[in-house]
Amino acid sequence: MAKLEWQSRRYDFDTLWNRITDGILNGSASATLVDRSDFESAGARCAVTVFERYSMIGGNRLSLTVTLFQAAGGPVCLSGITAGGSQAMFFKVNTFGEEAFLDKLRELLA
């Protein structure tokens, strides 16, 4: 598992979600949007999106869960967590694919 937390006032919620989605899906031939869940209450918004792609390095599929949250008037907060990149049964052996997936998200936020 690899994790990235980030916040900014530079993007609005929808622009950032579209930028991330387009960048992830166009950045890998095997990337897919698995599902998305949206919540809105009292001026706050939250979107949880799960992406998946094949990792050539690990020889398996891995996921990236991106959560965007914004309270009324506040910055957009992001949490990105990858999973599924290890090949061992009891401990993490190969996390290169997870880090590479998270690096793509980092590029989109730069």
N, C-alpha and C. Protein backbone atom coordinates (compact mmCIF):
# COMPACT_ATOMS: atom_id res chain seq x y z
N MET A 1 0.84 -1.18 0.00
CA MET A 1 0.00 0.00 0.00
C MET A 1 0.89 1.24 0.00
N ALA A 2 0.50 2.19 -0.80
CA ALA A 2 1.16 3.50 -0.82
C ALA A 2 0.06 4.55 -0.69
N LYS A 3 0.39 5.67 -0.06
CA LYS A 3 -0.63 6.68 0.21
C LYS A 3 -0.11 8.08 -0.08
N LEU A 4 -1.01 8.92 -0.58
CA LEU A 4 -0.72 10.33 -0.84
C LEU A 4 -1.87 11.15 -0.28
N GLU A 5 -1.55 12.18 0.49
CA GLU A 5 -2.56 13.13 0.97
C GLU A 5 -2.16 14.51 0.49
N TRP A 6 -3.15 15.30 0.06
CA TRP A 6 -2.87 16.57 -0.61
C TRP A 6 -4.09 17.46 -0.45
N GLN A 7 -3.87 18.77 -0.41
CA GLN A 7 -5.00 19.71 -0.44
C GLN A 7 -4.59 20.99 -1.15
N SER A 8 -5.59 21.64 -1.76
CA SER A 8 -5.31 22.85 -2.52
C SER A 8 -6.57 23.65 -2.76
N ARG A 9 -6.37 24.93 -2.94
CA ARG A 9 -7.46 25.82 -3.36
C ARG A 9 -7.32 26.17 -4.85
N ARG A 10 -6.31 25.60 -5.51
CA ARG A 10 -6.03 25.93 -6.91
C ARG A 10 -7.09 25.40 -7.86
N TYR A 11 -7.67 24.26 -7.55
CA TYR A 11 -8.68 23.64 -8.41
C TYR A 11 -10.02 23.63 -7.71
N ASP A 12 -11.10 23.71 -8.50
CA ASP A 12 -12.40 23.44 -7.90
C ASP A 12 -12.63 21.93 -7.95
N PHE A 13 -13.58 21.46 -7.20
CA PHE A 13 -13.84 20.04 -7.01
C PHE A 13 -14.00 19.30 -8.33
N ASP A 14 -14.91 19.76 -9.19
CA ASP A 14 -15.20 19.07 -10.45
C ASP A 14 -14.03 19.11 -11.43
N THR A 15 -13.35 20.23 -11.50
CA THR A 15 -12.19 20.35 -12.39
C THR A 15 -11.11 19.36 -11.97
N LEU A 16 -10.86 19.26 -10.66
CA LEU A 16 -9.84 18.34 -10.18
C LEU A 16 -10.24 16.89 -10.45
N TRP A 17 -11.51 16.55 -10.17
CA TRP A 17 -11.95 15.17 -10.43
C TRP A 17 -11.79 14.82 -11.91
N ASN A 18 -12.19 15.73 -12.80
CA ASN A 18 -12.05 15.48 -14.24
C ASN A 18 -10.58 15.35 -14.65
N ARG A 19 -9.73 16.19 -14.10
CA ARG A 19 -8.29 16.14 -14.42
C ARG A 19 -7.70 14.79 -14.01
N ILE A 20 -8.03 14.35 -12.81
CA ILE A 20 -7.52 13.07 -12.32
C ILE A 20 -8.05 11.91 -13.16
N THR A 21 -9.34 11.89 -13.39
CA THR A 21 -9.95 10.80 -14.15
C THR A 21 -9.39 10.72 -15.56
N ASP A 22 -9.34 11.84 -16.26
CA ASP A 22 -8.80 11.85 -17.62
C ASP A 22 -7.33 11.43 -17.63
N GLY A 23 -6.56 11.93 -16.67
CA GLY A 23 -5.14 11.62 -16.62
C GLY A 23 -4.86 10.16 -16.32
N ILE A 24 -5.60 9.57 -15.39
CA ILE A 24 -5.41 8.16 -15.05
C ILE A 24 -5.83 7.27 -16.22
N LEU A 25 -7.01 7.54 -16.78
CA LEU A 25 -7.52 6.68 -17.85
C LEU A 25 -6.72 6.81 -19.14
N ASN A 26 -6.21 8.00 -19.42
CA ASN A 26 -5.41 8.20 -20.64
C ASN A 26 -3.93 7.91 -20.42
N GLY A 27 -3.52 7.70 -19.17
CA GLY A 27 -2.12 7.48 -18.85
C GLY A 27 -1.70 6.02 -18.87
N SER A 28 -2.65 5.11 -19.06
CA SER A 28 -2.33 3.68 -19.08
C SER A 28 -3.36 2.96 -19.94
N ALA A 29 -2.88 2.11 -20.82
CA ALA A 29 -3.78 1.36 -21.71
C ALA A 29 -4.69 0.42 -20.94
N SER A 30 -4.27 -0.02 -19.75
CA SER A 30 -5.06 -0.99 -19.00
C SER A 30 -5.88 -0.36 -17.87
N ALA A 31 -5.82 0.97 -17.70
CA ALA A 31 -6.53 1.62 -16.60
C ALA A 31 -8.03 1.67 -16.86
N THR A 32 -8.79 1.39 -15.81
CA THR A 32 -10.24 1.47 -15.88
C THR A 32 -10.76 2.18 -14.64
N LEU A 33 -11.92 2.80 -14.78
CA LEU A 33 -12.62 3.38 -13.64
C LEU A 33 -13.57 2.28 -13.16
N VAL A 34 -13.32 1.74 -11.99
CA VAL A 34 -14.10 0.63 -11.47
C VAL A 34 -15.46 1.12 -10.97
N ASP A 35 -15.46 2.16 -10.15
CA ASP A 35 -16.72 2.71 -9.64
C ASP A 35 -16.46 4.03 -8.94
N ARG A 36 -17.55 4.78 -8.71
CA ARG A 36 -17.46 6.07 -8.04
C ARG A 36 -18.68 6.23 -7.16
N SER A 37 -18.48 6.84 -6.00
CA SER A 37 -19.58 7.13 -5.09
C SER A 37 -19.48 8.59 -4.68
N ASP A 38 -20.60 9.30 -4.73
CA ASP A 38 -20.63 10.73 -4.42
C ASP A 38 -21.57 11.01 -3.26
N PHE A 39 -21.15 11.95 -2.42
CA PHE A 39 -21.98 12.40 -1.31
C PHE A 39 -21.95 13.92 -1.26
N GLU A 40 -23.07 14.51 -0.85
CA GLU A 40 -23.14 15.95 -0.67
C GLU A 40 -24.09 16.23 0.49
N SER A 41 -23.63 17.08 1.43
CA SER A 41 -24.45 17.42 2.58
C SER A 41 -23.96 18.72 3.18
N ALA A 42 -24.89 19.60 3.47
CA ALA A 42 -24.59 20.86 4.17
C ALA A 42 -23.42 21.61 3.54
N GLY A 43 -23.35 21.63 2.23
CA GLY A 43 -22.31 22.37 1.53
C GLY A 43 -20.99 21.63 1.40
N ALA A 44 -20.91 20.42 1.90
CA ALA A 44 -19.69 19.62 1.77
C ALA A 44 -19.90 18.56 0.68
N ARG A 45 -18.82 18.24 -0.03
CA ARG A 45 -18.87 17.22 -1.09
C ARG A 45 -17.77 16.20 -0.87
N CYS A 46 -18.08 14.97 -1.24
CA CYS A 46 -17.12 13.89 -1.15
C CYS A 46 -17.33 12.95 -2.32
N ALA A 47 -16.26 12.57 -2.99
CA ALA A 47 -16.31 11.59 -4.07
C ALA A 47 -15.23 10.55 -3.81
N VAL A 48 -15.62 9.29 -3.85
CA VAL A 48 -14.68 8.18 -3.70
C VAL A 48 -14.67 7.44 -5.04
N THR A 49 -13.49 7.37 -5.65
CA THR A 49 -13.36 6.76 -6.98
C THR A 49 -12.29 5.68 -6.92
N VAL A 50 -12.60 4.52 -7.51
CA VAL A 50 -11.64 3.42 -7.55
C VAL A 50 -11.24 3.17 -9.00
N PHE A 51 -9.92 3.24 -9.23
CA PHE A 51 -9.33 2.92 -10.53
C PHE A 51 -8.57 1.61 -10.40
N GLU A 52 -8.38 0.95 -11.53
CA GLU A 52 -7.60 -0.28 -11.53
C GLU A 52 -6.76 -0.32 -12.79
N ARG A 53 -5.59 -0.94 -12.71
CA ARG A 53 -4.76 -1.12 -13.90
C ARG A 53 -3.84 -2.33 -13.72
N TYR A 54 -3.31 -2.79 -14.82
CA TYR A 54 -2.37 -3.91 -14.81
C TYR A 54 -0.97 -3.38 -14.57
N SER A 55 -0.22 -4.05 -13.71
CA SER A 55 1.16 -3.69 -13.44
C SER A 55 2.09 -4.68 -14.11
N MET A 56 2.82 -4.21 -15.12
CA MET A 56 3.78 -5.06 -15.81
C MET A 56 4.88 -5.51 -14.84
N ILE A 57 5.29 -4.62 -13.96
CA ILE A 57 6.37 -4.91 -13.02
C ILE A 57 5.97 -6.05 -12.08
N GLY A 58 4.78 -5.96 -11.52
CA GLY A 58 4.32 -6.96 -10.57
C GLY A 58 3.61 -8.14 -11.20
N GLY A 59 3.21 -7.99 -12.45
CA GLY A 59 2.48 -9.06 -13.12
C GLY A 59 1.09 -9.28 -12.55
N ASN A 60 0.48 -8.21 -12.02
CA ASN A 60 -0.86 -8.33 -11.44
C ASN A 60 -1.62 -7.01 -11.62
N ARG A 61 -2.88 -7.02 -11.22
CA ARG A 61 -3.67 -5.80 -11.26
C ARG A 61 -3.60 -5.14 -9.89
N LEU A 62 -3.66 -3.80 -9.89
CA LEU A 62 -3.70 -3.08 -8.64
C LEU A 62 -4.69 -1.95 -8.73
N SER A 63 -5.09 -1.46 -7.58
CA SER A 63 -6.11 -0.42 -7.53
C SER A 63 -5.57 0.86 -6.93
N LEU A 64 -6.23 1.94 -7.30
CA LEU A 64 -5.97 3.26 -6.74
C LEU A 64 -7.32 3.83 -6.33
N THR A 65 -7.48 4.09 -5.05
CA THR A 65 -8.70 4.71 -4.55
C THR A 65 -8.41 6.18 -4.29
N VAL A 66 -9.18 7.05 -4.93
CA VAL A 66 -9.01 8.49 -4.77
C VAL A 66 -10.26 9.04 -4.09
N THR A 67 -10.05 9.69 -2.97
CA THR A 67 -11.15 10.35 -2.25
C THR A 67 -10.92 11.85 -2.31
N LEU A 68 -11.91 12.57 -2.81
CA LEU A 68 -11.90 14.04 -2.81
C LEU A 68 -12.94 14.51 -1.81
N PHE A 69 -12.57 15.51 -1.01
CA PHE A 69 -13.50 16.08 -0.04
C PHE A 69 -13.34 17.59 -0.04
N GLN A 70 -14.47 18.28 0.03
CA GLN A 70 -14.42 19.74 0.14
C GLN A 70 -15.59 20.20 0.99
N ALA A 71 -15.27 20.89 2.09
CA ALA A 71 -16.29 21.53 2.91
C ALA A 71 -16.60 22.88 2.28
N ALA A 72 -17.75 23.43 2.58
CA ALA A 72 -18.16 24.70 2.01
C ALA A 72 -17.08 25.76 2.19
N GLY A 73 -16.56 26.28 1.07
CA GLY A 73 -15.57 27.34 1.11
C GLY A 73 -14.16 26.89 1.44
N GLY A 74 -13.97 25.62 1.70
CA GLY A 74 -12.65 25.13 2.08
C GLY A 74 -11.86 24.61 0.89
N PRO A 75 -10.62 24.21 1.14
CA PRO A 75 -9.81 23.64 0.06
C PRO A 75 -10.32 22.26 -0.33
N VAL A 76 -9.95 21.81 -1.51
CA VAL A 76 -10.24 20.43 -1.91
C VAL A 76 -9.16 19.56 -1.28
N CYS A 77 -9.58 18.54 -0.53
CA CYS A 77 -8.66 17.61 0.11
C CYS A 77 -8.71 16.29 -0.65
N LEU A 78 -7.55 15.68 -0.82
CA LEU A 78 -7.45 14.45 -1.58
C LEU A 78 -6.68 13.41 -0.79
N SER A 79 -7.15 12.18 -0.88
CA SER A 79 -6.41 11.03 -0.36
C SER A 79 -6.36 10.01 -1.48
N GLY A 80 -5.16 9.56 -1.82
CA GLY A 80 -4.98 8.52 -2.83
C GLY A 80 -4.28 7.33 -2.19
N ILE A 81 -4.88 6.14 -2.29
CA ILE A 81 -4.32 4.94 -1.68
C ILE A 81 -4.30 3.82 -2.72
N THR A 82 -3.14 3.21 -2.90
CA THR A 82 -3.02 2.09 -3.82
C THR A 82 -3.02 0.78 -3.04
N ALA A 83 -3.41 -0.30 -3.71
CA ALA A 83 -3.40 -1.63 -3.09
C ALA A 83 -3.31 -2.69 -4.17
N GLY A 84 -2.80 -3.84 -3.77
CA GLY A 84 -2.79 -4.99 -4.67
C GLY A 84 -1.49 -5.24 -5.40
N GLY A 85 -0.44 -4.52 -5.07
CA GLY A 85 0.80 -4.64 -5.82
C GLY A 85 1.80 -5.64 -5.31
N SER A 86 1.46 -6.40 -4.27
CA SER A 86 2.43 -7.33 -3.71
C SER A 86 2.20 -8.75 -4.22
N GLN A 87 3.27 -9.52 -4.27
CA GLN A 87 3.16 -10.90 -4.73
C GLN A 87 3.31 -11.91 -3.61
N ALA A 88 3.66 -11.49 -2.43
CA ALA A 88 3.90 -12.41 -1.32
C ALA A 88 2.61 -12.70 -0.56
N MET A 89 2.62 -13.84 0.17
CA MET A 89 1.43 -14.23 0.90
C MET A 89 1.30 -13.52 2.24
N PHE A 90 2.40 -13.31 2.96
CA PHE A 90 2.32 -12.79 4.31
C PHE A 90 2.91 -11.40 4.51
N PHE A 91 3.65 -10.88 3.53
CA PHE A 91 4.23 -9.54 3.67
C PHE A 91 4.44 -8.95 2.28
N LYS A 92 4.69 -7.65 2.24
CA LYS A 92 4.88 -6.94 0.98
C LYS A 92 6.27 -7.20 0.42
N VAL A 93 6.33 -7.68 -0.82
CA VAL A 93 7.62 -7.93 -1.46
C VAL A 93 7.87 -6.93 -2.57
N ASN A 94 6.89 -6.69 -3.41
CA ASN A 94 7.06 -5.85 -4.58
C ASN A 94 5.99 -4.77 -4.59
N THR A 95 6.37 -3.55 -4.27
CA THR A 95 5.40 -2.45 -4.26
C THR A 95 5.70 -1.42 -5.34
N PHE A 96 6.54 -1.78 -6.30
CA PHE A 96 6.91 -0.83 -7.36
C PHE A 96 5.69 -0.38 -8.17
N GLY A 97 4.80 -1.32 -8.48
CA GLY A 97 3.61 -0.98 -9.25
C GLY A 97 2.71 -0.01 -8.53
N GLU A 98 2.57 -0.20 -7.21
CA GLU A 98 1.75 0.71 -6.42
C GLU A 98 2.34 2.12 -6.42
N GLU A 99 3.64 2.20 -6.23
CA GLU A 99 4.30 3.52 -6.23
C GLU A 99 4.18 4.19 -7.60
N ALA A 100 4.31 3.41 -8.67
CA ALA A 100 4.20 3.97 -10.02
C ALA A 100 2.80 4.51 -10.27
N PHE A 101 1.77 3.80 -9.78
CA PHE A 101 0.39 4.25 -9.95
C PHE A 101 0.19 5.56 -9.18
N LEU A 102 0.73 5.62 -7.98
CA LEU A 102 0.61 6.84 -7.17
C LEU A 102 1.42 7.99 -7.77
N ASP A 103 2.56 7.67 -8.40
CA ASP A 103 3.35 8.71 -9.07
C ASP A 103 2.55 9.38 -10.18
N LYS A 104 1.73 8.60 -10.88
CA LYS A 104 0.88 9.18 -11.93
C LYS A 104 -0.08 10.20 -11.32
N LEU A 105 -0.65 9.87 -10.18
CA LEU A 105 -1.54 10.82 -9.49
C LEU A 105 -0.75 12.06 -9.08
N ARG A 106 0.46 11.89 -8.56
CA ARG A 106 1.30 13.04 -8.17
C ARG A 106 1.55 13.97 -9.36
N GLU A 107 1.84 13.39 -10.53
CA GLU A 107 2.05 14.19 -11.75
C GLU A 107 0.82 15.03 -12.07
N LEU A 108 -0.35 14.46 -11.92
CA LEU A 108 -1.58 15.18 -12.26
C LEU A 108 -1.87 16.32 -11.29
N LEU A 109 -1.33 16.24 -10.09
CA LEU A 109 -1.55 17.30 -9.09
C LEU A 109 -0.51 18.40 -9.16
N ALA A 110 0.59 18.14 -9.86
CA ALA A 110 1.69 19.13 -9.94
C ALA A 110 1.30 20.34 -10.76
